[in-house]
Amino acid sequence: MKKSPVSGFNPFRKPTLKMNAAPRIRSEIVELPKPKIGDRVQVPNGFGTVVETSGDMFLIDLENQAANLWERLRSIKFQARP
C-alpha cells in the first residue's frame, strides 16, 4: 500500500477560490493641526500642557505628575477648553 503525500490532491476536499489581493486605495494625506505652546492636550500618559516644540516633537508638562514628556504629533489629542 502506497502512502499519499499530505499536501497532494485530496478528492474529498472542496476546491477553494483563489483571489488576488485587494487593490490598494490611495488616500489623501491629511495634515494634522499642530498644537501651540500653552495648549492643553491629552497624551497616552495623561493630560498636560505644551511647553516647547521641535519639528514634530512636542514637550508636554503633565498634570498631577512631576514629569515632562516628549511626544510626537500623531500621539497627541487636543482637549476642548472650558
PDB file of N, CA and C in Angstrom:
ATOM      1  N   MET A   1       0.842  -1.169   0.000  1.00  0.00           N
ATOM      2  CA  MET A   1       0.000   0.000   0.000  1.00  0.00           C
ATOM      3  C   MET A   1       0.889   1.233   0.000  1.00  0.00           C
ATOM      4  N   LYS A   2       0.561   2.137  -0.902  1.00  0.00           N
ATOM      5  CA  LYS A   2       1.347   3.349  -1.063  1.00  0.00           C
ATOM      6  C   LYS A   2       0.734   4.481  -0.243  1.00  0.00           C
ATOM      7  N   LYS A   3       1.567   5.256   0.420  1.00  0.00           N
ATOM      8  CA  LYS A   3       1.076   6.414   1.175  1.00  0.00           C
ATOM      9  C   LYS A   3       1.009   7.618   0.255  1.00  0.00           C
ATOM     10  N   SER A   4      -0.098   8.343   0.332  1.00  0.00           N
ATOM     11  CA  SER A   4      -0.201   9.557  -0.476  1.00  0.00           C
ATOM     12  C   SER A   4       0.370  10.728   0.310  1.00  0.00           C
ATOM     13  N   PRO A   5       0.986  11.689  -0.359  1.00  0.00           N
ATOM     14  CA  PRO A   5       1.553  12.843   0.353  1.00  0.00           C
ATOM     15  C   PRO A   5       0.446  13.684   0.990  1.00  0.00           C
ATOM     16  N   VAL A   6       0.755  14.281   2.107  1.00  0.00           N
ATOM     17  CA  VAL A   6      -0.217  15.082   2.853  1.00  0.00           C
ATOM     18  C   VAL A   6      -0.643  16.301   2.047  1.00  0.00           C
ATOM     19  N   SER A   7       0.264  16.914   1.337  1.00  0.00           N
ATOM     20  CA  SER A   7      -0.063  18.145   0.626  1.00  0.00           C
ATOM     21  C   SER A   7      -0.542  17.888  -0.800  1.00  0.00           C
ATOM     22  N   GLY A   8      -0.734  16.632  -1.151  1.00  0.00           N
ATOM     23  CA  GLY A   8      -1.136  16.295  -2.507  1.00  0.00           C
ATOM     24  C   GLY A   8      -2.629  16.471  -2.734  1.00  0.00           C
ATOM     25  N   PHE A   9      -3.117  15.933  -3.814  1.00  0.00           N
ATOM     26  CA  PHE A   9      -4.515  16.037  -4.193  1.00  0.00           C
ATOM     27  C   PHE A   9      -5.393  15.240  -3.231  1.00  0.00           C
ATOM     28  N   ASN A  10      -6.485  15.852  -2.796  1.00  0.00           N
ATOM     29  CA  ASN A  10      -7.441  15.190  -1.924  1.00  0.00           C
ATOM     30  C   ASN A  10      -8.800  15.286  -2.591  1.00  0.00           C
ATOM     31  N   PRO A  11      -9.375  14.186  -3.071  1.00  0.00           N
ATOM     32  CA  PRO A  11     -10.643  14.256  -3.798  1.00  0.00           C
ATOM     33  C   PRO A  11     -11.823  14.623  -2.911  1.00  0.00           C
ATOM     34  N   PHE A  12     -11.688  14.549  -1.586  1.00  0.00           N
ATOM     35  CA  PHE A  12     -12.797  14.848  -0.680  1.00  0.00           C
ATOM     36  C   PHE A  12     -12.833  16.314  -0.247  1.00  0.00           C
ATOM     37  N   ARG A  13     -11.803  17.052  -0.584  1.00  0.00           N
ATOM     38  CA  ARG A  13     -11.740  18.455  -0.181  1.00  0.00           C
ATOM     39  C   ARG A  13     -12.345  19.326  -1.263  1.00  0.00           C
ATOM     40  N   LYS A  14     -13.124  20.321  -0.854  1.00  0.00           N
ATOM     41  CA  LYS A  14     -13.739  21.234  -1.808  1.00  0.00           C
ATOM     42  C   LYS A  14     -12.674  22.147  -2.406  1.00  0.00           C
ATOM     43  N   PRO A  15     -12.788  22.445  -3.678  1.00  0.00           N
ATOM     44  CA  PRO A  15     -11.820  23.378  -4.262  1.00  0.00           C
ATOM     45  C   PRO A  15     -12.043  24.788  -3.698  1.00  0.00           C
ATOM     46  N   THR A  16     -10.956  25.496  -3.489  1.00  0.00           N
ATOM     47  CA  THR A  16     -11.062  26.847  -2.959  1.00  0.00           C
ATOM     48  C   THR A  16     -10.895  27.852  -4.086  1.00  0.00           C
ATOM     49  N   LEU A  17     -11.525  28.972  -3.914  1.00  0.00           N
ATOM     50  CA  LEU A  17     -11.450  30.044  -4.897  1.00  0.00           C
ATOM     51  C   LEU A  17     -10.235  30.900  -4.569  1.00  0.00           C
ATOM     52  N   LYS A  18      -9.319  31.027  -5.498  1.00  0.00           N
ATOM     53  CA  LYS A  18      -8.130  31.839  -5.277  1.00  0.00           C
ATOM     54  C   LYS A  18      -8.422  33.253  -5.756  1.00  0.00           C
ATOM     55  N   MET A  19      -8.189  34.211  -4.866  1.00  0.00           N
ATOM     56  CA  MET A  19      -8.453  35.611  -5.186  1.00  0.00           C
ATOM     57  C   MET A  19      -7.160  36.398  -5.099  1.00  0.00           C
ATOM     58  N   ASN A  20      -7.074  37.418  -5.910  1.00  0.00           N
ATOM     59  CA  ASN A  20      -5.934  38.324  -5.838  1.00  0.00           C
ATOM     60  C   ASN A  20      -6.087  39.230  -4.627  1.00  0.00           C
ATOM     61  N   ALA A  21      -5.007  39.839  -4.236  1.00  0.00           N
ATOM     62  CA  ALA A  21      -5.056  40.776  -3.124  1.00  0.00           C
ATOM     63  C   ALA A  21      -5.938  41.965  -3.501  1.00  0.00           C
ATOM     64  N   ALA A  22      -6.556  42.572  -2.499  1.00  0.00           N
ATOM     65  CA  ALA A  22      -7.422  43.723  -2.738  1.00  0.00           C
ATOM     66  C   ALA A  22      -6.588  44.870  -3.305  1.00  0.00           C
ATOM     67  N   PRO A  23      -7.136  45.625  -4.231  1.00  0.00           N
ATOM     68  CA  PRO A  23      -6.369  46.742  -4.784  1.00  0.00           C
ATOM     69  C   PRO A  23      -6.121  47.809  -3.715  1.00  0.00           C
ATOM     70  N   ARG A  24      -4.975  48.417  -3.787  1.00  0.00           N
ATOM     71  CA  ARG A  24      -4.637  49.467  -2.827  1.00  0.00           C
ATOM     72  C   ARG A  24      -5.431  50.723  -3.130  1.00  0.00           C
ATOM     73  N   ILE A  25      -5.912  51.335  -2.091  1.00  0.00           N
ATOM     74  CA  ILE A  25      -6.684  52.558  -2.231  1.00  0.00           C
ATOM     75  C   ILE A  25      -5.785  53.719  -1.846  1.00  0.00           C
ATOM     76  N   ARG A  26      -5.662  54.656  -2.744  1.00  0.00           N
ATOM     77  CA  ARG A  26      -4.858  55.836  -2.435  1.00  0.00           C
ATOM     78  C   ARG A  26      -5.706  56.807  -1.627  1.00  0.00           C
ATOM     79  N   SER A  27      -5.228  57.146  -0.481  1.00  0.00           N
ATOM     80  CA  SER A  27      -5.934  58.122   0.335  1.00  0.00           C
ATOM     81  C   SER A  27      -5.113  59.406   0.380  1.00  0.00           C
ATOM     82  N   GLU A  28      -5.807  60.483   0.524  1.00  0.00           N
ATOM     83  CA  GLU A  28      -5.127  61.771   0.583  1.00  0.00           C
ATOM     84  C   GLU A  28      -4.450  61.929   1.932  1.00  0.00           C
ATOM     85  N   ILE A  29      -3.308  62.572   1.930  1.00  0.00           N
ATOM     86  CA  ILE A  29      -2.590  62.830   3.166  1.00  0.00           C
ATOM     87  C   ILE A  29      -3.277  63.992   3.872  1.00  0.00           C
ATOM     88  N   VAL A  30      -3.650  63.752   5.120  1.00  0.00           N
ATOM     89  CA  VAL A  30      -4.345  64.764   5.899  1.00  0.00           C
ATOM     90  C   VAL A  30      -3.344  65.407   6.846  1.00  0.00           C
ATOM     91  N   GLU A  31      -3.239  66.704   6.779  1.00  0.00           N
ATOM     92  CA  GLU A  31      -2.331  67.454   7.654  1.00  0.00           C
ATOM     93  C   GLU A  31      -3.012  67.666   9.001  1.00  0.00           C
ATOM     94  N   LEU A  32      -2.375  67.186  10.070  1.00  0.00           N
ATOM     95  CA  LEU A  32      -2.932  67.359  11.403  1.00  0.00           C
ATOM     96  C   LEU A  32      -2.612  68.755  11.911  1.00  0.00           C
ATOM     97  N   PRO A  33      -3.548  69.385  12.617  1.00  0.00           N
ATOM     98  CA  PRO A  33      -3.250  70.699  13.184  1.00  0.00           C
ATOM     99  C   PRO A  33      -2.217  70.547  14.308  1.00  0.00           C
ATOM    100  N   LYS A  34      -1.264  71.455  14.329  1.00  0.00           N
ATOM    101  CA  LYS A  34      -0.214  71.386  15.336  1.00  0.00           C
ATOM    102  C   LYS A  34      -0.625  72.197  16.565  1.00  0.00           C
ATOM    103  N   PRO A  35      -0.414  71.637  17.741  1.00  0.00           N
ATOM    104  CA  PRO A  35      -0.719  72.403  18.953  1.00  0.00           C
ATOM    105  C   PRO A  35       0.302  73.516  19.154  1.00  0.00           C
ATOM    106  N   LYS A  36      -0.147  74.581  19.778  1.00  0.00           N
ATOM    107  CA  LYS A  36       0.726  75.721  20.068  1.00  0.00           C
ATOM    108  C   LYS A  36       1.153  75.669  21.527  1.00  0.00           C
ATOM    109  N   ILE A  37       2.153  76.419  21.866  1.00  0.00           N
ATOM    110  CA  ILE A  37       2.621  76.474  23.245  1.00  0.00           C
ATOM    111  C   ILE A  37       1.490  77.001  24.119  1.00  0.00           C
ATOM    112  N   GLY A  38       1.209  76.282  25.185  1.00  0.00           N
ATOM    113  CA  GLY A  38       0.142  76.653  26.109  1.00  0.00           C
ATOM    114  C   GLY A  38      -1.159  75.894  25.873  1.00  0.00           C
ATOM    115  N   ASP A  39      -1.277  75.134  24.786  1.00  0.00           N
ATOM    116  CA  ASP A  39      -2.488  74.358  24.519  1.00  0.00           C
ATOM    117  C   ASP A  39      -2.554  73.155  25.460  1.00  0.00           C
ATOM    118  N   ARG A  40      -3.768  72.836  25.889  1.00  0.00           N
ATOM    119  CA  ARG A  40      -3.990  71.663  26.731  1.00  0.00           C
ATOM    120  C   ARG A  40      -4.235  70.466  25.823  1.00  0.00           C
ATOM    121  N   VAL A  41      -3.497  69.380  26.044  1.00  0.00           N
ATOM    122  CA  VAL A  41      -3.577  68.205  25.184  1.00  0.00           C
ATOM    123  C   VAL A  41      -3.672  66.937  26.034  1.00  0.00           C
ATOM    124  N   GLN A  42      -4.044  65.838  25.356  1.00  0.00           N
ATOM    125  CA  GLN A  42      -4.064  64.530  26.001  1.00  0.00           C
ATOM    126  C   GLN A  42      -3.057  63.633  25.292  1.00  0.00           C
ATOM    127  N   VAL A  43      -2.223  62.956  26.071  1.00  0.00           N
ATOM    128  CA  VAL A  43      -1.238  62.011  25.558  1.00  0.00           C
ATOM    129  C   VAL A  43      -1.488  60.669  26.248  1.00  0.00           C
ATOM    130  N   PRO A  44      -0.854  59.584  25.796  1.00  0.00           N
ATOM    131  CA  PRO A  44      -1.098  58.288  26.441  1.00  0.00           C
ATOM    132  C   PRO A  44      -0.833  58.267  27.951  1.00  0.00           C
ATOM    133  N   ASN A  45       0.036  59.136  28.442  1.00  0.00           N
ATOM    134  CA  ASN A  45       0.348  59.158  29.880  1.00  0.00           C
ATOM    135  C   ASN A  45      -0.572  60.050  30.694  1.00  0.00           C
ATOM    136  N   GLY A  46      -1.474  60.785  30.058  1.00  0.00           N
ATOM    137  CA  GLY A  46      -2.394  61.653  30.779  1.00  0.00           C
ATOM    138  C   GLY A  46      -2.572  62.989  30.085  1.00  0.00           C
ATOM    139  N   PHE A  47      -3.063  63.965  30.847  1.00  0.00           N
ATOM    140  CA  PHE A  47      -3.304  65.300  30.320  1.00  0.00           C
ATOM    141  C   PHE A  47      -2.106  66.191  30.627  1.00  0.00           C
ATOM    142  N   GLY A  48      -1.936  67.217  29.793  1.00  0.00           N
ATOM    143  CA  GLY A  48      -0.831  68.130  30.025  1.00  0.00           C
ATOM    144  C   GLY A  48      -0.925  69.368  29.167  1.00  0.00           C
ATOM    145  N   THR A  49       0.101  70.207  29.248  1.00  0.00           N
ATOM    146  CA  THR A  49       0.178  71.461  28.518  1.00  0.00           C
ATOM    147  C   THR A  49       1.443  71.467  27.678  1.00  0.00           C
ATOM    148  N   VAL A  50       1.344  71.971  26.449  1.00  0.00           N
ATOM    149  CA  VAL A  50       2.509  72.042  25.564  1.00  0.00           C
ATOM    150  C   VAL A  50       3.439  73.141  26.077  1.00  0.00           C
ATOM    151  N   VAL A  51       4.723  72.789  26.262  1.00  0.00           N
ATOM    152  CA  VAL A  51       5.708  73.729  26.785  1.00  0.00           C
ATOM    153  C   VAL A  51       6.682  74.164  25.693  1.00  0.00           C
ATOM    154  N   GLU A  52       7.074  73.222  24.824  1.00  0.00           N
ATOM    155  CA  GLU A  52       8.083  73.514  23.805  1.00  0.00           C
ATOM    156  C   GLU A  52       7.816  72.649  22.579  1.00  0.00           C
ATOM    157  N   THR A  53       8.203  73.153  21.400  1.00  0.00           N
ATOM    158  CA  THR A  53       8.044  72.385  20.171  1.00  0.00           C
ATOM    159  C   THR A  53       9.386  72.284  19.452  1.00  0.00           C
ATOM    160  N   SER A  54       9.570  71.180  18.730  1.00  0.00           N
ATOM    161  CA  SER A  54      10.775  70.974  17.940  1.00  0.00           C
ATOM    162  C   SER A  54      10.425  70.034  16.793  1.00  0.00           C
ATOM    163  N   GLY A  55      10.105  70.590  15.630  1.00  0.00           N
ATOM    164  CA  GLY A  55       9.701  69.773  14.488  1.00  0.00           C
ATOM    165  C   GLY A  55       8.361  69.113  14.749  1.00  0.00           C
ATOM    166  N   ASP A  56       8.323  67.775  14.718  1.00  0.00           N
ATOM    167  CA  ASP A  56       7.073  67.073  15.009  1.00  0.00           C
ATOM    168  C   ASP A  56       7.048  66.535  16.438  1.00  0.00           C
ATOM    169  N   MET A  57       7.995  66.970  17.265  1.00  0.00           N
ATOM    170  CA  MET A  57       8.041  66.566  18.676  1.00  0.00           C
ATOM    171  C   MET A  57       7.581  67.732  19.541  1.00  0.00           C
ATOM    172  N   PHE A  58       6.840  67.400  20.606  1.00  0.00           N
ATOM    173  CA  PHE A  58       6.286  68.411  21.500  1.00  0.00           C
ATOM    174  C   PHE A  58       6.593  68.022  22.932  1.00  0.00           C
ATOM    175  N   LEU A  59       7.095  68.982  23.723  1.00  0.00           N
ATOM    176  CA  LEU A  59       7.372  68.752  25.138  1.00  0.00           C
ATOM    177  C   LEU A  59       6.097  69.048  25.911  1.00  0.00           C
ATOM    178  N   ILE A  60       5.594  68.041  26.626  1.00  0.00           N
ATOM    179  CA  ILE A  60       4.341  68.146  27.357  1.00  0.00           C
ATOM    180  C   ILE A  60       4.635  68.153  28.843  1.00  0.00           C
ATOM    181  N   ASP A  61       4.106  69.162  29.563  1.00  0.00           N
ATOM    182  CA  ASP A  61       4.189  69.219  31.019  1.00  0.00           C
ATOM    183  C   ASP A  61       2.947  68.515  31.552  1.00  0.00           C
ATOM    184  N   LEU A  62       3.124  67.319  32.089  1.00  0.00           N
ATOM    185  CA  LEU A  62       1.990  66.505  32.534  1.00  0.00           C
ATOM    186  C   LEU A  62       1.385  67.050  33.821  1.00  0.00           C
ATOM    187  N   GLU A  63       0.047  67.027  33.895  1.00  0.00           N
ATOM    188  CA  GLU A  63      -0.666  67.464  35.093  1.00  0.00           C
ATOM    189  C   GLU A  63      -0.614  66.368  36.142  1.00  0.00           C
ATOM    190  N   ASN A  64      -0.539  66.754  37.397  1.00  0.00           N
ATOM    191  CA  ASN A  64      -0.537  65.836  38.538  1.00  0.00           C
ATOM    192  C   ASN A  64       0.623  64.839  38.488  1.00  0.00           C
ATOM    193  N   GLN A  65       1.677  65.150  37.732  1.00  0.00           N
ATOM    194  CA  GLN A  65       2.863  64.305  37.671  1.00  0.00           C
ATOM    195  C   GLN A  65       4.085  65.219  37.602  1.00  0.00           C
ATOM    196  N   ALA A  66       5.145  64.804  38.209  1.00  0.00           N
ATOM    197  CA  ALA A  66       6.378  65.589  38.195  1.00  0.00           C
ATOM    198  C   ALA A  66       7.234  65.146  37.017  1.00  0.00           C
ATOM    199  N   ALA A  67       6.694  65.300  35.812  1.00  0.00           N
ATOM    200  CA  ALA A  67       7.434  64.844  34.636  1.00  0.00           C
ATOM    201  C   ALA A  67       7.074  65.686  33.423  1.00  0.00           C
ATOM    202  N   ASN A  68       8.050  65.844  32.536  1.00  0.00           N
ATOM    203  CA  ASN A  68       7.828  66.415  31.217  1.00  0.00           C
ATOM    204  C   ASN A  68       8.094  65.306  30.222  1.00  0.00           C
ATOM    205  N   LEU A  69       7.372  65.322  29.119  1.00  0.00           N
ATOM    206  CA  LEU A  69       7.407  64.195  28.208  1.00  0.00           C
ATOM    207  C   LEU A  69       7.445  64.692  26.774  1.00  0.00           C
ATOM    208  N   TRP A  70       8.373  64.151  25.957  1.00  0.00           N
ATOM    209  CA  TRP A  70       8.411  64.467  24.534  1.00  0.00           C
ATOM    210  C   TRP A  70       7.493  63.492  23.805  1.00  0.00           C
ATOM    211  N   GLU A  71       6.546  64.004  23.031  1.00  0.00           N
ATOM    212  CA  GLU A  71       5.613  63.167  22.277  1.00  0.00           C
ATOM    213  C   GLU A  71       5.570  63.617  20.826  1.00  0.00           C
ATOM    214  N   ARG A  72       5.292  62.682  19.926  1.00  0.00           N
ATOM    215  CA  ARG A  72       5.108  63.005  18.511  1.00  0.00           C
ATOM    216  C   ARG A  72       3.690  63.510  18.287  1.00  0.00           C
ATOM    217  N   LEU A  73       3.510  64.210  17.175  1.00  0.00           N
ATOM    218  CA  LEU A  73       2.216  64.811  16.855  1.00  0.00           C
ATOM    219  C   LEU A  73       1.125  63.758  16.735  1.00  0.00           C
ATOM    220  N   ARG A  74       1.442  62.579  16.191  1.00  0.00           N
ATOM    221  CA  ARG A  74       0.414  61.561  15.961  1.00  0.00           C
ATOM    222  C   ARG A  74      -0.136  60.957  17.243  1.00  0.00           C
ATOM    223  N   SER A  75       0.528  61.127  18.386  1.00  0.00           N
ATOM    224  CA  SER A  75       0.035  60.569  19.634  1.00  0.00           C
ATOM    225  C   SER A  75      -0.589  61.624  20.535  1.00  0.00           C
ATOM    226  N   ILE A  76      -0.809  62.828  20.011  1.00  0.00           N
ATOM    227  CA  ILE A  76      -1.380  63.913  20.793  1.00  0.00           C
ATOM    228  C   ILE A  76      -2.821  64.152  20.369  1.00  0.00           C
ATOM    229  N   LYS A  77      -3.716  64.307  21.349  1.00  0.00           N
ATOM    230  CA  LYS A  77      -5.114  64.649  21.100  1.00  0.00           C
ATOM    231  C   LYS A  77      -5.395  65.998  21.741  1.00  0.00           C
ATOM    232  N   PHE A  78      -6.100  66.846  21.006  1.00  0.00           N
ATOM    233  CA  PHE A  78      -6.446  68.158  21.545  1.00  0.00           C
ATOM    234  C   PHE A  78      -7.602  68.034  22.529  1.00  0.00           C
ATOM    235  N   GLN A  79      -7.609  68.884  23.541  1.00  0.00           N
ATOM    236  CA  GLN A  79      -8.692  68.939  24.501  1.00  0.00           C
ATOM    237  C   GLN A  79      -9.403  70.277  24.352  1.00  0.00           C
ATOM    238  N   ALA A  80     -10.730  70.229  24.385  1.00  0.00           N
ATOM    239  CA  ALA A  80     -11.513  71.463  24.287  1.00  0.00           C
ATOM    240  C   ALA A  80     -11.348  72.270  25.560  1.00  0.00           C
ATOM    241  N   ARG A  81     -11.227  73.564  25.374  1.00  0.00           N
ATOM    242  CA  ARG A  81     -11.095  74.432  26.544  1.00  0.00           C
ATOM    243  C   ARG A  81     -12.481  74.749  27.095  1.00  0.00           C
ATOM    244  N   PRO A  82     -12.644  74.718  28.416  1.00  0.00           N
ATOM    245  CA  PRO A  82     -13.963  75.002  29.008  1.00  0.00           C
ATOM    246  C   PRO A  82     -14.342  76.461  28.903  1.00  0.00           C
TER     247      PRO A  82
END
